[in-house]
Protein backbone atom coordinates (compact mmCIF):
# COMPACT_ATOMS: atom_id res chain seq x y z
CA MET A 1 85.19 35.15 17.57
CA LYS A 2 81.91 35.87 19.28
CA SER A 3 80.57 37.89 16.31
CA LEU A 4 81.48 35.06 13.91
CA LYS A 5 79.48 32.63 16.05
CA THR A 6 76.56 35.07 16.17
CA ASN A 7 76.66 35.56 12.40
CA LEU A 8 76.64 31.78 11.84
CA VAL A 9 73.64 31.37 14.12
CA ILE A 10 71.79 34.18 12.34
CA ALA A 11 72.68 32.75 8.91
CA GLY A 12 71.46 29.30 10.00
CA ALA A 13 68.19 30.71 11.34
CA LEU A 14 67.64 32.62 8.09
CA ALA A 15 68.30 29.52 6.01
CA ILE A 16 65.77 27.53 8.06
CA ALA A 17 63.20 30.33 7.83
CA ILE A 18 63.62 30.70 4.07
CA GLY A 19 63.39 26.93 3.62
CA GLY A 20 60.21 26.85 5.70
CA PHE A 21 58.65 29.66 3.67
CA SER A 22 59.61 27.92 0.43
CA GLN A 23 58.04 24.66 1.61
CA ALA A 24 54.85 26.48 2.65
CA ALA A 25 54.66 28.29 -0.69
CA PHE A 26 55.23 25.02 -2.58
CA SER A 27 52.52 23.15 -0.67
CA GLN A 28 50.04 25.99 -1.21
CA ALA A 29 50.85 26.11 -4.92
CA ALA A 30 50.28 22.37 -5.44
CA ASP A 31 47.09 21.63 -7.34
CA PRO A 32 44.47 19.99 -5.08
CA VAL A 33 43.97 17.09 -7.54
CA ILE A 34 47.60 16.01 -7.04
CA GLY A 35 48.07 13.18 -4.56
CA GLN A 36 46.91 9.67 -3.78
CA TRP A 37 43.24 8.80 -4.11
CA LYS A 38 41.21 5.78 -3.05
CA THR A 39 38.97 4.82 -5.96
CA ILE A 40 35.43 3.88 -5.03
CA ASP A 41 33.37 1.70 -7.38
CA ASP A 42 30.25 3.73 -8.20
CA LYS A 43 28.17 0.55 -8.57
CA THR A 44 29.19 -1.31 -5.39
CA GLY A 45 30.49 1.49 -3.17
CA GLN A 46 33.60 -0.61 -2.45
CA ALA A 47 37.18 0.69 -2.46
CA ARG A 48 38.95 -0.72 -5.53
CA SER A 49 42.42 0.83 -5.64
CA ILE A 50 44.80 3.62 -4.72
CA VAL A 51 45.71 5.86 -7.66
CA LYS A 52 48.57 8.31 -7.54
CA VAL A 53 47.64 11.44 -9.52
CA GLU A 54 50.55 13.63 -10.56
CA GLU A 55 51.35 16.40 -12.99
CA VAL A 56 54.18 15.63 -15.37
CA GLY A 57 55.16 18.32 -17.87
CA GLY A 58 51.84 20.15 -17.47
CA VAL A 59 49.84 16.96 -18.08
CA LEU A 60 47.93 15.05 -15.43
CA GLN A 61 48.33 11.28 -15.16
CA GLY A 62 47.17 8.60 -12.73
CA THR A 63 48.95 5.36 -11.82
CA ILE A 64 47.50 2.44 -9.85
CA MET A 65 49.62 1.95 -6.73
CA GLN A 66 47.57 -0.71 -4.94
CA THR A 67 44.40 -2.73 -5.53
CA PHE A 68 41.72 -4.03 -3.17
CA PRO A 69 40.28 -7.26 -4.57
CA ASN A 70 36.57 -7.91 -4.28
CA PRO A 71 36.20 -11.08 -2.17
CA ASN A 72 33.33 -12.20 -4.42
CA GLU A 73 35.41 -12.03 -7.62
CA LYS A 74 38.59 -13.55 -8.96
CA PRO A 75 41.42 -11.04 -8.24
CA LEU A 76 42.29 -8.89 -11.26
CA THR A 77 46.09 -8.74 -11.41
CA HIS A 78 46.68 -8.14 -15.13
CA CYS A 79 44.79 -6.16 -17.77
CA ASN A 80 43.60 -9.17 -19.74
CA ALA A 81 40.77 -7.21 -21.39
CA CYS A 82 43.01 -4.35 -22.60
CA THR A 83 43.46 -3.99 -26.35
CA ASP A 84 46.37 -1.52 -26.40
CA HIS A 85 49.98 -1.68 -25.16
CA ARG A 86 48.69 -2.52 -21.64
CA LYS A 87 47.34 -5.91 -22.76
CA ASP A 88 48.27 -8.57 -20.17
CA GLN A 89 50.34 -6.03 -18.19
CA PRO A 90 50.19 -5.92 -14.36
CA ILE A 91 47.48 -3.62 -12.99
CA VAL A 92 49.65 -2.31 -10.12
CA GLY A 93 52.01 0.28 -11.61
CA MET A 94 49.79 0.82 -14.67
CA LYS A 95 49.00 4.33 -15.90
CA ILE A 96 45.23 4.38 -16.24
CA MET A 97 44.68 8.13 -16.59
CA THR A 98 46.67 10.17 -19.11
CA GLY A 99 46.66 13.38 -21.11
CA LEU A 100 44.55 15.70 -18.95
CA LYS A 101 45.40 19.37 -19.34
CA LYS A 102 44.34 22.34 -17.26
CA ASP A 103 42.13 24.89 -19.01
CA LYS A 104 41.97 28.64 -18.31
CA ALA A 105 39.32 28.06 -15.63
CA GLY A 106 41.64 25.64 -13.82
CA HIS A 107 39.75 22.44 -14.70
CA TRP A 108 41.49 19.25 -15.84
CA SER A 109 40.07 17.60 -18.99
CA GLY A 110 40.94 16.32 -22.44
CA GLY A 111 42.53 13.08 -21.29
CA GLU A 112 41.68 9.41 -21.24
CA ILE A 113 41.02 6.88 -18.51
CA LEU A 114 41.19 3.11 -18.72
CA ASP A 115 38.78 0.75 -16.98
CA PRO A 116 41.18 -2.19 -16.45
CA LYS A 117 38.36 -4.59 -15.64
CA GLU A 118 36.58 -4.02 -18.97
CA GLY A 119 39.62 -2.92 -20.98
CA LYS A 120 37.71 0.12 -22.23
CA ILE A 121 39.16 3.60 -22.63
CA TYR A 122 37.01 6.67 -21.98
CA LYS A 123 37.50 10.41 -22.20
CA VAL A 124 37.92 11.88 -18.74
CA LYS A 125 37.74 15.07 -16.74
CA VAL A 126 38.42 15.54 -13.03
CA ALA A 127 37.58 18.17 -10.45
CA THR A 128 37.70 18.69 -6.71
CA GLU A 129 35.87 21.26 -4.63
CA ASP A 130 37.52 20.68 -1.28
CA GLY A 131 40.67 18.63 -2.02
CA LYS A 132 39.17 15.69 -0.12
CA LYS A 133 36.99 14.19 -2.85
CA LEU A 134 37.87 13.92 -6.53
CA GLU A 135 35.05 13.73 -9.06
CA VAL A 136 36.23 11.59 -11.98
CA ARG A 137 33.92 11.70 -15.00
CA GLY A 138 34.48 9.06 -17.67
CA PHE A 139 32.48 9.42 -20.87
CA ILE A 140 32.10 8.56 -24.53
CA GLY A 141 31.73 11.46 -26.96
CA ILE A 142 30.19 14.16 -24.81
CA SER A 143 30.31 14.44 -21.03
CA LEU A 144 26.56 13.87 -20.71
CA ILE A 145 27.00 10.24 -21.78
CA GLY A 146 29.10 8.72 -19.04
CA ARG A 147 29.41 8.13 -15.34
CA THR A 148 31.11 9.77 -12.39
CA GLN A 149 33.09 8.14 -9.62
CA THR A 150 33.98 9.96 -6.42
CA TRP A 151 37.49 9.16 -5.24
CA VAL A 152 38.54 9.93 -1.67
CA ARG A 153 41.92 11.42 -0.76
CA GLU A 154 44.16 8.77 0.78
CA GLN A 155 45.71 10.00 4.02
């Protein structure tokens, strides 16, 4: 009876250890662009929203989870300026970044990003050096013609 108890304790400890190693390996393997990011307006420096960036089927996408209205403007709750299927849809819950794929160098590009305020769609690429700040480059045509926002990881 004693050896059965000992074996159960050892088996339980092994299961916990293996689970812990698996969790550690999973968190290390996660791409640093994955997570929730606070978007910062590059013109005003104000926080505008929280965007959840996730990889689905090898493609990166970003969804607005929360917005921070500018007290000097009428709150933007729906994408009134959109011209595609997102026309008049609620901003919160909207996919604004789609189609980014990772290249051989590990960079995410080739997708599109929507500016819900203007209703315009731009090509996009994203990168992070330290996992704390996400450089989001929206552009028309070539990357030189565009602008970059720095998003901050939401804790």
